[in-house]
Amino acid sequence: MYTQAEINALTSPLSNDARVLYCLGLRPSVNTHTLVCAPLQYKSLLSLVNGNAESGPYTRGRDINQLIEQLLHAGLVTLPESVSLDSSLNGERILLPLVQEQPEYAALHQHRQAMHPNWQPHVTVFNELAGLIGLIDTHFEQEDTGEFVAYWLGRPETVLSTYQWTQKFVHALKTRRTAKGYQAVKKVGNQIVKVEAGIEADDNARKLVAKYANKSNNR
């Protein structure tokens, strides 16, 4: 049974091969408590997306990575900080954040709209997703939202839910924040200190996963 968030993401602009990869290659093996799928196996995934074709269009691991990139942009998957689409994901586990939908977010998946000039991210969704994907520095300026809005105003054919727009914004910030030369900082008392990559992000992710697991167990 797919969550409404998954359905919304799967019906957004995606190739059918990316949908097959998610629905048949990743989703069946996901742990619904940790939201993590089984280790990726390029050989079986290539066979899956090629179907009955004797000489399928997908022949290398990087082809699977390109499909995963589509799923990443749709918000269906999240990569650990230790891996990159530029390297092999064979044997790696990835997160499927939409598998366990929070009831309070249900309404945010119902209304879909194109980008508009006054758009702002949903605060609660932003903070929870930032913690889930390891966005350590969650502060953003008007310039950040301005660039995001300006980019999507030029693509009026893209119509997404409130949740999905915020999700895209979080991923856009994460991409910029992990770019070469960027150093995340945080305030400790009266001091501004550099954040050690990976440690705080992992703690945040564990707390969120534990939170979701507890809610699931109490149902």
Protein backbone atom coordinates (compact mmCIF):
# COMPACT_ATOMS: atom_id res chain seq x y z
CA MET A 1 0.00 0.00 0.00
CA TYR A 2 1.54 3.28 -1.10
CA THR A 3 1.16 6.46 0.92
CA GLN A 4 -0.50 9.50 -0.64
CA ALA A 5 2.90 11.22 -0.65
CA GLU A 6 4.37 8.38 -2.70
CA ILE A 7 1.47 8.42 -5.15
CA ASN A 8 1.82 12.17 -5.65
CA ALA A 9 5.53 11.82 -6.26
CA LEU A 10 5.14 8.82 -8.57
CA THR A 11 2.60 10.68 -10.70
CA SER A 12 4.89 13.68 -11.08
CA PRO A 13 7.08 13.88 -14.23
CA LEU A 14 9.14 10.68 -14.06
CA SER A 15 10.20 8.10 -16.61
CA ASN A 16 8.35 4.79 -16.40
CA ASP A 17 11.69 3.06 -15.87
CA ALA A 18 12.30 5.18 -12.76
CA ARG A 19 8.84 4.22 -11.49
CA VAL A 20 9.58 0.53 -12.10
CA LEU A 21 12.87 0.87 -10.23
CA TYR A 22 11.10 2.42 -7.24
CA CYS A 23 7.97 0.24 -7.14
CA LEU A 24 9.60 -3.11 -7.90
CA GLY A 25 13.28 -2.63 -7.14
CA LEU A 26 13.32 -0.52 -3.97
CA ARG A 27 9.91 -0.33 -2.30
CA PRO A 28 9.32 -4.08 -1.66
CA SER A 29 12.48 -4.39 0.44
CA VAL A 30 12.09 -1.25 2.54
CA ASN A 31 12.11 -1.49 6.34
CA THR A 32 9.00 0.46 7.34
CA HIS A 33 10.55 1.43 10.69
CA THR A 34 13.93 2.72 9.49
CA LEU A 35 12.68 3.65 5.97
CA VAL A 36 15.84 2.09 4.52
CA CYS A 37 15.78 -0.36 1.61
CA ALA A 38 17.90 -3.49 1.13
CA PRO A 39 21.43 -3.05 -0.31
CA LEU A 40 21.29 -2.12 -3.98
CA GLN A 41 22.32 -4.84 -6.41
CA TYR A 42 23.03 -3.39 -9.84
CA LYS A 43 22.79 -6.74 -11.64
CA SER A 44 19.25 -7.51 -10.51
CA LEU A 45 18.12 -3.88 -10.94
CA LEU A 46 19.46 -3.78 -14.50
CA SER A 47 17.57 -6.97 -15.31
CA LEU A 48 14.42 -5.50 -13.77
CA VAL A 49 14.36 -2.22 -15.71
CA ASN A 50 15.41 -3.87 -19.00
CA GLY A 51 12.45 -6.25 -18.82
CA ASN A 52 12.32 -8.80 -21.63
CA ALA A 53 14.64 -6.86 -23.90
CA GLU A 54 17.52 -9.07 -25.06
CA SER A 55 19.78 -6.04 -25.32
CA GLY A 56 18.28 -3.51 -22.96
CA PRO A 57 19.04 0.21 -22.88
CA TYR A 58 20.52 -0.09 -19.38
CA THR A 59 23.89 -1.80 -19.20
CA ARG A 60 25.91 -0.14 -16.42
CA GLY A 61 25.57 0.89 -12.82
CA ARG A 62 25.66 4.54 -13.82
CA ASP A 63 22.42 3.95 -15.76
CA ILE A 64 20.75 2.88 -12.51
CA ASN A 65 22.23 5.97 -10.83
CA GLN A 66 20.54 8.16 -13.45
CA LEU A 67 17.17 6.61 -12.64
CA ILE A 68 17.85 7.05 -8.93
CA GLU A 69 18.63 10.71 -9.65
CA GLN A 70 15.11 11.10 -11.04
CA LEU A 71 13.69 9.55 -7.88
CA LEU A 72 15.89 11.85 -5.81
CA HIS A 73 14.53 14.96 -7.52
CA ALA A 74 10.98 13.68 -7.03
CA GLY A 75 11.67 13.27 -3.31
CA LEU A 76 11.11 9.51 -3.37
CA VAL A 77 14.62 8.61 -2.21
CA THR A 78 17.41 10.21 -0.19
CA LEU A 79 21.09 9.30 -0.31
CA PRO A 80 23.29 8.97 2.79
CA GLU A 81 25.92 11.69 3.07
CA SER A 82 28.66 9.11 2.59
CA VAL A 83 27.65 8.23 -0.98
CA SER A 84 27.24 10.12 -4.23
CA LEU A 85 25.55 9.57 -7.56
CA ASP A 86 28.98 10.07 -9.12
CA SER A 87 30.22 6.85 -7.50
CA SER A 88 28.97 3.27 -7.31
CA LEU A 89 25.89 2.64 -5.18
CA ASN A 90 26.17 -1.13 -5.50
CA GLY A 91 25.73 -2.61 -2.03
CA GLU A 92 24.60 0.72 -0.55
CA ARG A 93 21.30 1.31 1.27
CA ILE A 94 19.19 4.38 0.53
CA LEU A 95 16.32 6.01 2.38
CA LEU A 96 12.72 6.08 1.13
CA PRO A 97 11.35 9.00 3.18
CA LEU A 98 7.75 8.93 1.89
CA VAL A 99 7.04 5.33 2.90
CA GLN A 100 5.68 6.35 6.29
CA GLU A 101 3.37 9.31 5.90
CA GLN A 102 2.60 11.50 8.88
CA PRO A 103 -1.16 12.12 9.38
CA GLU A 104 -0.62 15.83 10.00
CA TYR A 105 0.87 16.14 6.51
CA ALA A 106 -2.08 14.54 4.70
CA ALA A 107 -3.70 17.87 3.79
CA LEU A 108 -0.40 19.15 2.42
CA HIS A 109 -0.54 16.48 -0.28
CA GLN A 110 -4.05 17.33 -1.48
CA HIS A 111 -3.73 20.79 -3.01
CA ARG A 112 -1.35 21.11 -5.94
CA GLN A 113 -0.30 24.33 -7.63
CA ALA A 114 2.35 25.87 -9.84
CA MET A 115 5.03 28.08 -8.31
CA HIS A 116 3.96 31.64 -7.43
CA PRO A 117 5.97 34.80 -6.52
CA ASN A 118 5.03 34.77 -2.81
CA TRP A 119 5.89 31.12 -2.17
CA GLN A 120 7.54 30.17 1.13
CA PRO A 121 8.45 26.68 2.43
CA HIS A 122 6.18 25.06 5.01
CA VAL A 123 8.11 25.55 8.26
CA THR A 124 7.30 22.25 9.98
CA VAL A 125 7.89 20.16 6.86
CA PHE A 126 11.11 22.04 6.14
CA ASN A 127 12.56 21.40 9.60
CA GLU A 128 11.64 17.71 9.68
CA LEU A 129 12.91 17.00 6.16
CA ALA A 130 16.10 18.96 6.82
CA GLY A 131 16.82 16.76 9.81
CA LEU A 132 15.94 13.61 7.89
CA ILE A 133 18.31 14.23 4.97
CA GLY A 134 21.12 15.74 7.04
CA LEU A 135 20.80 19.42 6.15
CA ILE A 136 22.83 20.68 9.10
CA ASP A 137 22.64 24.44 8.52
CA THR A 138 18.88 25.08 8.25
CA HIS A 139 19.12 28.87 8.12
CA PHE A 140 18.26 30.34 4.74
CA GLU A 141 18.01 33.85 3.35
CA GLN A 142 15.43 35.56 1.15
CA GLU A 143 17.96 35.16 -1.64
CA ASP A 144 17.69 31.35 -1.32
CA THR A 145 13.91 31.32 -1.68
CA GLY A 146 14.11 34.02 -4.35
CA GLU A 147 16.40 31.94 -6.56
CA PHE A 148 14.25 28.86 -6.02
CA VAL A 149 11.03 30.73 -6.88
CA ALA A 150 12.59 32.42 -9.91
CA TYR A 151 13.77 29.07 -11.29
CA TRP A 152 10.36 27.39 -10.98
CA LEU A 153 8.36 30.41 -12.16
CA GLY A 154 10.01 29.71 -15.50
CA ARG A 155 8.54 26.21 -15.46
CA PRO A 156 4.77 26.79 -14.99
CA GLU A 157 4.00 23.30 -16.26
CA THR A 158 5.34 21.89 -12.96
CA VAL A 159 2.44 21.55 -10.52
CA LEU A 160 3.22 20.13 -7.07
CA SER A 161 1.73 19.89 -3.59
CA THR A 162 2.75 22.09 -0.67
CA TYR A 163 4.74 19.18 0.75
CA GLN A 164 6.52 18.50 -2.55
CA TRP A 165 7.52 22.14 -3.10
CA THR A 166 9.04 22.30 0.37
CA GLN A 167 10.75 18.98 -0.24
CA LYS A 168 12.29 20.29 -3.46
CA PHE A 169 13.50 23.40 -1.66
CA VAL A 170 15.16 21.33 1.07
CA HIS A 171 16.95 19.20 -1.53
CA ALA A 172 18.01 22.32 -3.45
CA LEU A 173 19.53 23.78 -0.29
CA LYS A 174 21.24 20.48 0.51
CA THR A 175 22.80 20.44 -2.96
CA ARG A 176 24.11 23.97 -2.53
CA ARG A 177 25.31 23.34 1.00
CA THR A 178 27.31 20.29 -0.03
CA ALA A 179 28.94 22.14 -2.91
CA LYS A 180 32.70 22.54 -2.76
CA GLY A 181 33.79 25.40 -0.54
CA TYR A 182 30.67 25.60 1.65
CA GLN A 183 31.22 25.24 5.40
CA ALA A 184 28.20 24.75 7.67
CA VAL A 185 28.26 26.60 11.00
CA LYS A 186 26.16 26.68 14.15
CA LYS A 187 25.91 28.93 17.19
CA VAL A 188 27.11 27.56 20.53
CA GLY A 189 26.57 30.10 23.30
CA ASN A 190 28.02 33.33 21.92
CA GLN A 191 30.33 31.59 19.48
CA ILE A 192 29.94 30.58 15.85
CA VAL A 193 31.64 27.23 15.26
CA LYS A 194 32.12 24.96 12.27
CA VAL A 195 30.01 21.80 12.16
CA GLU A 196 31.74 18.47 11.71
CA ALA A 197 30.12 16.86 8.68
CA GLY A 198 28.09 13.73 9.20
CA ILE A 199 27.88 13.54 13.01
CA GLU A 200 25.00 15.90 13.74
CA ALA A 201 23.17 14.92 10.57
CA ASP A 202 23.25 11.26 11.57
CA ASP A 203 21.93 12.07 15.05
CA ASN A 204 19.04 14.04 13.60
CA ALA A 205 18.18 11.25 11.18
CA ARG A 206 18.23 8.65 13.96
CA LYS A 207 15.92 10.77 16.11
CA LEU A 208 13.43 11.18 13.27
CA VAL A 209 13.51 7.50 12.36
CA ALA A 210 12.94 6.60 16.04
CA LYS A 211 10.05 9.05 16.16
CA TYR A 212 8.41 7.50 13.11
CA ALA A 213 8.98 3.99 14.43
CA ASN A 214 7.34 4.85 17.76
CA LYS A 215 4.31 6.32 16.02
CA SER A 216 4.03 3.21 13.86
CA ASN A 217 4.22 0.90 16.89
CA ASN A 218 1.52 2.84 18.70
CA ARG A 219 -1.00 2.44 15.91
